[in-house]
Amino acid sequence: MSAGVGAGAKPVFLWGFMASGKSSVGRRLADRLGGTAVDLDMLVEERAGRPIREIFAADGEAAFRELETRCLQTLDTAGVAVIATGGGTPVSAVNRGWMRERGDCVWLDPPFDVVLGRLDETGRAARPLFDDVEAARALYDARREFYRHCDLRIPVHAEDTVDEIVDRTFRQLRDPL
């Protein structure tokens, strides 16, 4: 695992299911590491010129995944401390391999009930793969197998603050067991 940021340091790629805290943790962890943060979903939306939900509706998931992979693999990681990936980014073996070659992959792992508690109806409606609770639970269960390919797993509990998750992640990146 990386020893720190700076010249030659590897970025941290945050993996996890939707609402696991990747974006919030990513910003604060990047500050702590002294580099910048990139939110891959936001980058995809910026490059596409439209929200992810619209990309899914108009072009389908396969087109979105292709765009997501292009955005990931054209990302200049120099000076980037943390990349918050989309929940499905690590499902692709190509993406997993690309990230593992370039940085440390950290899985933020809340139980499904924590994810559900973080998403109100508006939050669920904004996510193209959250059609209903049971379908989302099945997707959560299926993606866990891909997330297990991470370098570091950080359990996330309902009572955890973003700062507590950042602290645990920072400590484990510095002093892996």
Protein backbone atom coordinates (compact mmCIF):
# COMPACT_ATOMS: atom_id res chain seq x y z
CA MET A 1 0.00 0.00 0.00
CA SER A 2 1.08 3.56 -0.54
CA ALA A 3 3.20 5.33 1.99
CA GLY A 4 1.80 8.77 1.29
CA VAL A 5 1.03 11.28 -1.40
CA GLY A 6 3.45 13.42 -3.27
CA ALA A 7 5.89 12.67 -6.04
CA GLY A 8 5.34 9.09 -7.15
CA ALA A 9 2.60 8.37 -4.60
CA LYS A 10 -0.30 6.20 -5.65
CA PRO A 11 -3.87 7.44 -5.52
CA VAL A 12 -6.57 5.79 -3.43
CA PHE A 13 -9.59 4.45 -5.30
CA LEU A 14 -12.71 4.29 -3.14
CA TRP A 15 -15.05 1.41 -3.96
CA GLY A 16 -18.45 0.65 -2.50
CA PHE A 17 -22.16 0.48 -3.09
CA MET A 18 -24.25 3.57 -3.68
CA ALA A 19 -24.56 5.74 -0.54
CA SER A 20 -21.56 4.07 1.08
CA GLY A 21 -19.89 7.47 1.52
CA LYS A 22 -17.33 7.40 -1.29
CA SER A 23 -17.80 11.04 -2.36
CA SER A 24 -17.90 12.52 1.15
CA VAL A 25 -15.03 10.42 2.45
CA GLY A 26 -13.09 11.01 -0.77
CA ARG A 27 -13.08 14.79 -0.39
CA ARG A 28 -11.99 14.72 3.25
CA LEU A 29 -9.46 11.93 2.77
CA ALA A 30 -7.88 13.82 -0.13
CA ASP A 31 -7.54 16.89 2.10
CA ARG A 32 -5.94 14.73 4.77
CA LEU A 33 -3.53 13.19 2.26
CA GLY A 34 -2.68 16.58 0.77
CA GLY A 35 -3.94 15.97 -2.75
CA THR A 36 -7.05 16.47 -4.81
CA ALA A 37 -10.23 14.42 -4.96
CA VAL A 38 -12.03 13.25 -8.09
CA ASP A 39 -15.60 11.96 -8.13
CA LEU A 40 -15.85 9.64 -11.15
CA ASP A 41 -19.65 9.96 -11.40
CA MET A 42 -19.33 13.75 -11.56
CA LEU A 43 -16.60 13.45 -14.19
CA VAL A 44 -18.83 11.19 -16.31
CA GLU A 45 -21.71 13.67 -16.05
CA GLU A 46 -19.42 16.56 -16.94
CA ARG A 47 -18.01 14.81 -20.00
CA ALA A 48 -21.43 13.56 -21.11
CA GLY A 49 -23.11 16.91 -20.49
CA ARG A 50 -26.03 15.26 -18.70
CA PRO A 51 -26.88 13.41 -15.49
CA ILE A 52 -26.18 9.69 -15.14
CA ARG A 53 -29.91 8.94 -14.87
CA GLU A 54 -30.41 10.50 -18.32
CA ILE A 55 -27.51 8.51 -19.78
CA PHE A 56 -29.06 5.30 -18.47
CA ALA A 57 -32.52 6.25 -19.75
CA ALA A 58 -31.42 7.33 -23.23
CA ASP A 59 -28.46 5.07 -23.93
CA GLY A 60 -28.65 2.19 -21.47
CA GLU A 61 -26.33 0.83 -18.84
CA ALA A 62 -23.82 -0.62 -21.33
CA ALA A 63 -23.22 2.80 -22.91
CA PHE A 64 -22.86 4.35 -19.45
CA ARG A 65 -20.32 1.69 -18.40
CA GLU A 66 -18.30 2.30 -21.56
CA LEU A 67 -18.22 6.04 -20.86
CA GLU A 68 -17.35 5.37 -17.21
CA THR A 69 -14.39 3.18 -18.24
CA ARG A 70 -13.16 5.79 -20.74
CA CYS A 71 -13.35 8.52 -18.09
CA LEU A 72 -11.53 6.34 -15.57
CA GLN A 73 -8.77 5.30 -17.94
CA THR A 74 -8.14 8.78 -19.31
CA LEU A 75 -7.94 10.25 -15.81
CA ASP A 76 -4.62 11.92 -15.09
CA THR A 77 -3.89 10.69 -11.57
CA ALA A 78 -0.86 12.91 -11.04
CA GLY A 79 -1.50 14.90 -7.87
CA VAL A 80 -4.81 13.11 -7.29
CA ALA A 81 -5.01 11.60 -3.83
CA VAL A 82 -8.46 9.99 -3.96
CA ILE A 83 -10.84 8.88 -6.72
CA ALA A 84 -14.39 8.10 -5.59
CA THR A 85 -15.59 5.55 -8.13
CA GLY A 86 -19.13 4.74 -9.14
CA GLY A 87 -20.69 1.80 -7.34
CA GLY A 88 -20.43 -0.37 -10.45
CA THR A 89 -16.96 0.68 -11.57
CA PRO A 90 -15.13 -2.23 -9.86
CA VAL A 91 -17.52 -4.78 -11.37
CA SER A 92 -15.50 -4.63 -14.59
CA ALA A 93 -12.36 -6.77 -14.42
CA VAL A 94 -10.68 -4.27 -16.75
CA ASN A 95 -11.47 -1.39 -14.38
CA ARG A 96 -10.42 -3.37 -11.29
CA GLY A 97 -7.11 -4.27 -12.89
CA TRP A 98 -6.48 -0.71 -14.07
CA MET A 99 -7.14 0.70 -10.59
CA ARG A 100 -5.15 -1.97 -8.75
CA GLU A 101 -2.13 -1.32 -10.99
CA ARG A 102 -2.20 2.41 -10.26
CA GLY A 103 -3.26 2.78 -6.67
CA ASP A 104 -4.72 1.40 -3.48
CA CYS A 105 -8.32 0.20 -3.69
CA VAL A 106 -10.34 0.80 -0.55
CA TRP A 107 -13.82 -0.68 -0.08
CA LEU A 108 -16.19 1.35 2.10
CA ASP A 109 -18.50 -1.40 3.32
CA PRO A 110 -21.74 -0.44 5.08
CA PRO A 111 -24.47 -3.02 5.67
CA PHE A 112 -27.39 -2.73 3.26
CA ASP A 113 -29.65 -1.34 6.01
CA VAL A 114 -27.22 1.60 6.44
CA VAL A 115 -27.34 2.27 2.69
CA LEU A 116 -31.12 2.16 2.77
CA GLY A 117 -31.23 4.51 5.75
CA ARG A 118 -29.10 7.07 3.91
CA LEU A 119 -31.36 7.19 0.86
CA ASP A 120 -34.74 8.83 1.15
CA GLU A 121 -37.23 8.54 -1.73
CA THR A 122 -35.58 11.42 -3.59
CA GLY A 123 -32.15 9.85 -3.22
CA ARG A 124 -33.43 6.50 -4.46
CA ALA A 125 -35.18 8.08 -7.43
CA ALA A 126 -31.95 9.83 -8.47
CA ARG A 127 -30.14 6.49 -8.78
CA PRO A 128 -30.84 4.60 -11.98
CA LEU A 129 -30.23 1.17 -10.47
CA PHE A 130 -32.40 1.66 -7.39
CA ASP A 131 -35.75 0.62 -8.85
CA ASP A 132 -36.97 -0.93 -5.62
CA VAL A 133 -35.53 -2.11 -2.34
CA GLU A 134 -35.36 -5.81 -3.22
CA ALA A 135 -33.69 -5.18 -6.58
CA ALA A 136 -31.19 -2.87 -4.87
CA ARG A 137 -30.51 -5.49 -2.20
CA ALA A 138 -29.84 -8.11 -4.90
CA LEU A 139 -27.48 -5.70 -6.66
CA TYR A 140 -25.74 -4.94 -3.34
CA ASP A 141 -25.24 -8.66 -2.70
CA ALA A 142 -23.95 -9.30 -6.23
CA ARG A 143 -21.45 -6.42 -6.18
CA ARG A 144 -19.89 -7.49 -2.88
CA GLU A 145 -18.08 -10.27 -4.71
CA PHE A 146 -16.31 -7.70 -6.90
CA TYR A 147 -15.57 -5.31 -4.05
CA ARG A 148 -13.73 -8.13 -2.25
CA HIS A 149 -10.86 -7.64 -4.74
CA CYS A 150 -9.88 -4.46 -2.85
CA ASP A 151 -6.62 -3.85 -1.01
CA LEU A 152 -8.36 -2.63 2.12
CA ARG A 153 -11.90 -3.03 3.49
CA ILE A 154 -13.29 -0.36 5.82
CA PRO A 155 -16.47 -1.40 7.66
CA VAL A 156 -18.95 1.49 7.86
CA HIS A 157 -21.56 1.61 10.60
CA ALA A 158 -24.69 3.74 10.92
CA GLU A 159 -23.23 5.77 13.77
CA ASP A 160 -19.92 6.50 12.02
CA THR A 161 -19.20 10.08 11.03
CA VAL A 162 -17.36 10.91 7.83
CA ASP A 163 -14.37 12.04 9.91
CA GLU A 164 -14.28 8.71 11.78
CA ILE A 165 -14.29 6.79 8.49
CA VAL A 166 -11.56 9.06 7.12
CA ASP A 167 -9.47 8.55 10.28
CA ARG A 168 -9.79 4.74 10.11
CA THR A 169 -8.99 4.73 6.41
CA PHE A 170 -6.00 7.03 6.83
CA ARG A 171 -4.58 4.94 9.70
CA GLN A 172 -5.01 1.67 7.81
CA LEU A 173 -3.43 3.07 4.65
CA ARG A 174 -0.43 4.15 6.74
CA ASP A 175 -0.18 1.09 8.98
CA PRO A 176 -1.72 -1.93 7.24
CA LEU A 177 -2.16 -4.94 9.50
